Amino acid sequence: MALAARLWRFLPLRRGAVPGSRVPAGTSGSRGHCGLCRFSGFKVMGNPGTFKRRLLLSALSYLGFETYQFLSQAAVVHATAKVEEILEQADYLYESGETEKLYQLLAQYKESEDAELLWRLARASRDVAQLSRTSEEEKKLLVYEALEYAKRALEKNESNFAAHKWYAICLSDVGDYEGIKVKIANAYIIKEHFEALVYFHRAEQVDPNFYSKNLLLLGKTYLKLHNKKLAALWLTKARDYPAHTEEDKQIQTEAAQLLTSFSDKN
């Protein structure tokens, strides 16, 4: 009964119908009437088949609209769930040290609008560039690619700390190909996103041990400040950091060498 009432609103008025009621005039006719109208207490003049076709078309239009709304809402939920699933897979691959598989997974979604996905893709691109088997030509392409992904991540979400972090890191990498003037100019931009002791500490407070290079930089900064005790603390953390990427392994080696060098001097 409720569906019949809702569908009735979509039916066009027949000539001679009473406005506002959608009840055709002359309802006392003896010709056949459809089941819906009998059920609703109405009679229909004219060809019952035509009326039924109109009713069917109206029902399909209404149901089509309802289906469209349902599918639209379902699509949003599905898209959100899919991104979460991709991020879980990406984090698992990163923790497992599967650098190339991670890049291949995330590269499929390089047109994504999600900042969390984009900064991970920037990191993955950079990690592949750091692999010893990556050619110099490929490395350069990947470095610029990583910067573009990090930049887009920032555009999508300026409050995303990881997006700022990887943008600064990737911008520094690009400086190696741009010459000393550009590198110096970029240093000011990098400082706004991620630089100097206070920034390293802030980064570490937000996400402890998030990046091996941050630990190394803290150690080297304290070395320059002649604070060997704190330098040893952060360099030891960098040396003992679980290596997920080629860069992590290089940082482990550098941290170990620095620890050895100033320990020998003592």
Protein backbone atom coordinates (compact mmCIF):
# COMPACT_ATOMS: atom_id res chain seq x y z
CA MET A 1 0.00 0.00 0.00
CA ALA A 2 2.82 2.41 0.88
CA LEU A 3 4.68 1.64 -2.37
CA ALA A 4 1.50 2.12 -4.37
CA ALA A 5 0.97 5.52 -2.81
CA ARG A 6 4.57 6.57 -3.53
CA LEU A 7 4.42 5.37 -7.13
CA TRP A 8 1.09 7.10 -7.73
CA ARG A 9 2.81 10.49 -7.37
CA PHE A 10 4.89 9.81 -10.48
CA LEU A 11 1.92 9.08 -12.76
CA PRO A 12 0.88 11.85 -15.21
CA LEU A 13 -2.63 13.28 -14.92
CA ARG A 14 -5.03 12.02 -17.56
CA ARG A 15 -7.17 14.49 -19.43
CA GLY A 16 -10.20 15.24 -17.33
CA ALA A 17 -8.61 14.19 -14.05
CA VAL A 18 -9.31 16.10 -10.87
CA PRO A 19 -6.18 18.24 -10.07
CA GLY A 20 -4.35 17.24 -6.94
CA SER A 21 -5.99 13.83 -6.73
CA ARG A 22 -4.67 12.08 -9.89
CA VAL A 23 -8.06 10.33 -9.95
CA PRO A 24 -9.39 10.33 -13.51
CA ALA A 25 -12.82 11.85 -14.00
CA GLY A 26 -15.66 9.46 -14.64
CA THR A 27 -14.42 6.71 -12.37
CA SER A 28 -17.76 4.99 -12.53
CA GLY A 29 -16.89 3.42 -15.89
CA SER A 30 -17.30 -0.33 -16.12
CA ARG A 31 -14.14 -1.10 -18.09
CA GLY A 32 -11.39 -3.13 -16.47
CA HIS A 33 -9.03 -1.62 -13.95
CA CYS A 34 -5.58 -2.69 -12.77
CA GLY A 35 -4.91 -4.60 -9.59
CA LEU A 36 -3.05 -1.69 -8.01
CA CYS A 37 -5.99 0.65 -8.56
CA ARG A 38 -8.46 -1.93 -7.23
CA PHE A 39 -6.21 -2.33 -4.22
CA SER A 40 -6.05 1.45 -3.73
CA GLY A 41 -9.76 2.01 -4.28
CA PHE A 42 -9.47 3.70 -7.68
CA LYS A 43 -10.85 2.90 -11.14
CA VAL A 44 -9.20 3.82 -14.40
CA MET A 45 -10.88 4.86 -17.65
CA GLY A 46 -9.41 3.81 -20.98
CA ASN A 47 -7.11 1.00 -21.92
CA PRO A 48 -5.89 -0.85 -18.81
CA GLY A 49 -2.83 -2.09 -20.69
CA THR A 50 -1.66 1.48 -21.38
CA PHE A 51 -2.16 2.42 -17.76
CA LYS A 52 -0.21 -0.61 -16.59
CA ARG A 53 2.67 0.22 -18.92
CA ARG A 54 2.76 3.77 -17.57
CA LEU A 55 2.67 2.47 -14.03
CA LEU A 56 5.49 0.04 -14.79
CA LEU A 57 7.64 2.76 -16.36
CA SER A 58 7.03 5.01 -13.35
CA ALA A 59 7.90 2.18 -10.98
CA LEU A 60 11.10 1.47 -12.88
CA SER A 61 12.06 5.16 -12.83
CA TYR A 62 11.51 5.34 -9.09
CA LEU A 63 13.33 2.09 -8.39
CA GLY A 64 16.15 3.18 -10.70
CA PHE A 65 16.60 6.36 -8.68
CA GLU A 66 16.56 4.43 -5.41
CA THR A 67 19.10 1.96 -6.82
CA TYR A 68 21.33 4.79 -8.03
CA GLN A 69 21.36 6.35 -4.55
CA PHE A 70 22.13 3.03 -2.92
CA LEU A 71 24.94 2.19 -5.36
CA SER A 72 26.46 5.68 -5.01
CA GLN A 73 26.61 5.34 -1.24
CA ALA A 74 27.95 1.81 -1.50
CA ALA A 75 30.65 2.97 -3.93
CA VAL A 76 31.93 5.55 -1.41
CA VAL A 77 32.08 2.97 1.37
CA HIS A 78 33.78 0.47 -0.93
CA ALA A 79 36.36 3.03 -2.09
CA THR A 80 37.24 3.92 1.51
CA ALA A 81 37.53 0.27 2.48
CA LYS A 82 39.71 -0.40 -0.57
CA VAL A 83 42.15 2.40 0.32
CA GLU A 84 42.45 1.05 3.85
CA GLU A 85 43.16 -2.41 2.46
CA ILE A 86 45.83 -1.06 0.10
CA LEU A 87 47.51 0.84 2.94
CA GLU A 88 47.59 -2.27 5.09
CA GLN A 89 49.20 -4.24 2.26
CA ALA A 90 51.68 -1.42 1.63
CA ASP A 91 52.74 -1.20 5.28
CA TYR A 92 53.16 -4.98 5.44
CA LEU A 93 55.39 -4.97 2.35
CA TYR A 94 57.42 -2.06 3.73
CA GLU A 95 57.99 -3.81 7.05
CA SER A 96 58.96 -6.95 5.13
CA GLY A 97 61.55 -5.05 3.08
CA GLU A 98 59.77 -5.85 -0.20
CA THR A 99 60.80 -2.58 -1.84
CA GLU A 100 60.01 -3.38 -5.46
CA LYS A 101 56.75 -5.20 -4.71
CA LEU A 102 55.65 -2.22 -2.64
CA TYR A 103 56.38 0.17 -5.48
CA GLN A 104 54.52 -2.04 -7.98
CA LEU A 105 51.50 -2.16 -5.69
CA LEU A 106 51.30 1.57 -5.05
CA ALA A 107 52.17 2.62 -8.62
CA GLN A 108 48.81 1.21 -9.70
CA TYR A 109 47.15 4.01 -7.71
CA LYS A 110 49.39 6.91 -8.70
CA GLU A 111 46.32 8.93 -9.74
CA SER A 112 44.85 8.60 -6.25
CA GLU A 113 43.61 11.64 -4.32
CA ASP A 114 44.52 10.09 -0.96
CA ALA A 115 47.46 11.76 0.84
CA GLU A 116 48.27 8.65 2.87
CA LEU A 117 48.64 6.60 -0.28
CA LEU A 118 50.59 9.29 -2.13
CA TRP A 119 53.27 9.87 0.49
CA ARG A 120 53.81 6.12 0.72
CA LEU A 121 54.24 6.05 -3.04
CA ALA A 122 56.78 8.87 -2.77
CA ARG A 123 58.72 6.86 -0.20
CA ALA A 124 58.49 3.69 -2.29
CA SER A 125 59.73 5.48 -5.42
CA ARG A 126 62.67 6.86 -3.50
CA ASP A 127 63.48 3.48 -1.96
CA VAL A 128 63.60 1.83 -5.40
CA ALA A 129 65.90 4.64 -6.54
CA GLN A 130 68.25 3.76 -3.67
CA LEU A 131 68.60 0.11 -4.74
CA SER A 132 72.09 -0.79 -5.95
CA ARG A 133 70.70 -2.49 -9.05
CA THR A 134 68.81 0.64 -10.15
CA SER A 135 70.59 2.39 -13.01
CA GLU A 136 71.56 6.06 -12.72
CA GLU A 137 69.02 7.02 -15.37
CA GLU A 138 66.22 5.16 -13.60
CA LYS A 139 67.30 6.59 -10.26
CA LYS A 140 66.98 10.14 -11.51
CA LEU A 141 63.50 9.48 -12.92
CA LEU A 142 62.38 7.88 -9.68
CA VAL A 143 63.76 10.74 -7.56
CA TYR A 144 61.75 13.30 -9.51
CA GLU A 145 58.75 10.99 -9.51
CA ALA A 146 58.96 10.68 -5.72
CA LEU A 147 59.01 14.46 -5.33
CA GLU A 148 55.90 14.80 -7.48
CA TYR A 149 53.99 12.27 -5.39
CA ALA A 150 55.06 13.95 -2.15
CA LYS A 151 54.02 17.33 -3.51
CA ARG A 152 50.58 15.99 -4.44
CA ALA A 153 50.23 14.43 -1.01
CA LEU A 154 50.81 17.85 0.54
CA GLU A 155 48.29 19.45 -1.78
CA LYS A 156 45.67 16.92 -0.70
CA ASN A 157 46.39 17.27 3.01
CA GLU A 158 48.68 20.04 4.30
CA SER A 159 48.29 18.84 7.88
CA ASN A 160 49.77 15.43 7.09
CA PHE A 161 53.11 15.25 8.87
CA ALA A 162 54.42 12.37 6.75
CA ALA A 163 53.67 14.31 3.57
CA HIS A 164 55.80 17.23 4.84
CA LYS A 165 58.58 14.85 5.86
CA TRP A 166 58.83 13.05 2.53
CA TYR A 167 58.44 16.25 0.53
CA ALA A 168 61.46 17.70 2.32
CA ILE A 169 63.47 14.50 1.88
CA CYS A 170 62.61 14.20 -1.82
CA LEU A 171 63.31 17.88 -2.43
CA SER A 172 66.76 17.39 -0.95
CA ASP A 173 67.33 14.41 -3.28
CA VAL A 174 66.35 16.43 -6.34
CA GLY A 175 68.87 19.08 -5.34
CA ASP A 176 71.64 16.62 -6.21
CA TYR A 177 70.60 16.92 -9.87
CA GLU A 178 69.81 20.64 -9.94
CA GLY A 179 73.18 22.17 -9.08
CA ILE A 180 74.47 24.02 -6.05
CA LYS A 181 72.36 27.17 -6.53
CA VAL A 182 69.10 25.25 -6.62
CA LYS A 183 70.23 23.06 -3.73
CA ILE A 184 70.90 26.12 -1.60
CA ALA A 185 67.58 27.67 -2.56
CA ASN A 186 65.79 24.44 -1.77
CA ALA A 187 67.44 24.33 1.63
CA TYR A 188 65.24 27.22 2.75
CA ILE A 189 62.14 25.39 1.60
CA ILE A 190 63.30 22.19 3.23
CA LYS A 191 63.83 24.03 6.49
CA GLU A 192 60.17 25.02 6.49
CA HIS A 193 59.16 21.40 6.26
CA PHE A 194 61.88 19.39 7.99
CA GLU A 195 65.32 20.71 9.12
CA ALA A 196 67.71 21.60 12.04
CA LEU A 197 67.76 20.04 15.51
CA VAL A 198 64.39 21.29 16.73
CA TYR A 199 62.65 19.84 13.68
CA PHE A 200 64.40 16.50 14.03
CA HIS A 201 63.24 16.30 17.62
CA ARG A 202 59.70 17.29 16.75
CA ALA A 203 59.62 14.62 14.09
CA GLU A 204 60.92 12.06 16.55
CA GLN A 205 58.32 13.05 19.17
CA VAL A 206 55.48 12.70 16.69
CA ASP A 207 56.60 9.30 15.42
CA PRO A 208 59.53 7.74 17.31
CA ASN A 209 62.03 5.84 15.15
CA PHE A 210 60.00 6.65 12.04
CA TYR A 211 63.03 7.07 9.80
CA SER A 212 66.58 5.85 10.19
CA LYS A 213 68.06 8.95 8.55
CA ASN A 214 66.42 11.18 11.14
CA LEU A 215 68.23 9.22 13.86
CA LEU A 216 71.51 9.59 11.98
CA LEU A 217 71.01 13.33 11.49
CA LEU A 218 70.30 13.79 15.18
CA GLY A 219 73.52 11.98 15.99
CA LYS A 220 75.56 14.02 13.51
CA THR A 221 74.02 17.26 14.74
CA TYR A 222 75.05 16.50 18.31
CA LEU A 223 78.52 15.61 17.07
CA LYS A 224 78.83 19.10 15.58
CA LEU A 225 77.63 20.52 18.88
CA HIS A 226 80.37 18.48 20.60
CA ASN A 227 77.84 16.61 22.69
CA LYS A 228 79.26 13.11 22.36
CA LYS A 229 76.94 11.55 24.90
CA LEU A 230 73.78 12.45 22.97
CA ALA A 231 75.55 11.85 19.66
CA ALA A 232 76.30 8.29 20.77
CA LEU A 233 72.68 7.79 21.85
CA TRP A 234 71.20 8.71 18.45
CA LEU A 235 73.93 7.09 16.37
CA THR A 236 73.43 3.85 18.26
CA LYS A 237 69.71 4.00 17.49
CA ALA A 238 70.53 4.59 13.82
CA ARG A 239 72.98 1.69 13.78
CA ASP A 240 70.48 -0.66 15.41
CA TYR A 241 67.51 0.47 13.32
CA PRO A 242 65.82 -2.50 11.54
CA ALA A 243 66.84 -2.26 7.90
CA HIS A 244 63.84 -2.26 5.56
CA THR A 245 65.51 -0.55 2.62
CA GLU A 246 68.88 -0.17 0.95
CA GLU A 247 69.14 3.29 2.48
CA ASP A 248 68.59 1.89 5.98
CA LYS A 249 71.56 -0.45 5.44
CA GLN A 250 73.75 2.45 4.29
CA ILE A 251 72.73 4.49 7.33
CA GLN A 252 73.51 1.57 9.65
CA THR A 253 77.01 1.42 8.17
CA GLU A 254 77.59 5.18 8.43
CA ALA A 255 76.31 5.32 12.02
CA ALA A 256 78.56 2.42 13.00
CA GLN A 257 81.58 4.12 11.40
CA LEU A 258 80.86 7.40 13.21
CA LEU A 259 80.47 5.60 16.52
CA THR A 260 83.77 3.81 15.98
CA SER A 261 85.62 6.97 14.92
CA PHE A 262 84.80 9.13 17.93
CA SER A 263 85.03 6.18 20.34
CA ASP A 264 88.61 5.57 19.19
CA LYS A 265 89.47 9.21 19.88
CA ASN A 266 88.39 8.77 23.47
